[in-house]
Amino acid sequence: MEIVTHAADTDEPRGSVLVTHGLGEHQGRYAPLISALTESGYDVYSYDQRGHGTASGPRARVDVGSLIIDHLDARREVLGQARTPDLFLVGHSLGGLVTAASSLLDGTHLRGLLLTGPALRPRNPVSPRVARAVLPLARLLPWLPASFIPPTALSRDPDAVAAAKADPLVHHGPIPLLTGATLIVQGDQVIRNAAMLTIPVLILHGGADALSDVSGSRDFIDHVRTSDAHLRIIDGAFHEVLNEPEGPALIDDIIAWMDRH
């Protein structure tokens, strides 16, 4: 895992932020968010998850549990070099699931948790019970195609959809069975254990998200123990809320939320 540092141009950063990308994509797609954060005085760290972007491994074929372990390792590495003692964690989609699970496993040195369209409950007919039953097959034949992410489900902005289609580092094939099954199982675990979370959390979720069901975000927020937990649903927005027309304003809201914390 290669951590990339995006340092703010200041001797005293306002905070440190670890950004984790979603399924099938890579850290480079978060350049607008990262630039806005560094310009606002935050040091930002990012990396490509295994099987994604420039990282090694079969494309988008992962056991999500291993990504959670990777995230814990990334946090330790970032804290070893960060200029502040605590981190804000930001995660989108699969990265939101991974980030939330990491926070539940280790809540130390965290200032706050910001999730966009977290894949806590994917929109598909497969229940967690069925996903658990499928796990042995998924581990035996991990490459079997399980689902597909249509680019048009990412954003209402045709330019954002075209950019995703043209990006050679974005995975354009089917989602492998191992990835899909472990994602459903891990998402269910995160919701079930949400009461373990005690840090501030803000979730931004598209009201028309056809990939991650907003009910997963609702259930997560309903079960966390902190009173500083909020779900904001963006009416009509698709899965990648930061790549929607509302995206620039939402980035400003994210920075304002971090400033308050």
Foldseek 3Di string as FASTA:
>chain_A
DDKDKDAAPDPDAPAEEEEEEAAQEAPVVCVVLCVVRSPVRYIYIYGGFDLFFPHHDPHRQDQLVVSLVVVLVVVVVCCVPDPDQAYEYEYEASGLLSRLVNCLVPVPRYQEYEYELHQLDWPDPQALVNLVVCQVVCVVVVQAFDAADQLVLQWPDVVSSVVLVPDPRGDHDGNTSSSVSSSNNSSPVSLVSLQSHAHAYEYEYEPAENTHDCVSVVSSQVRHDYPNYYYDYDYPTGRNNLPYPCNVVVSVVVSVVSSVD
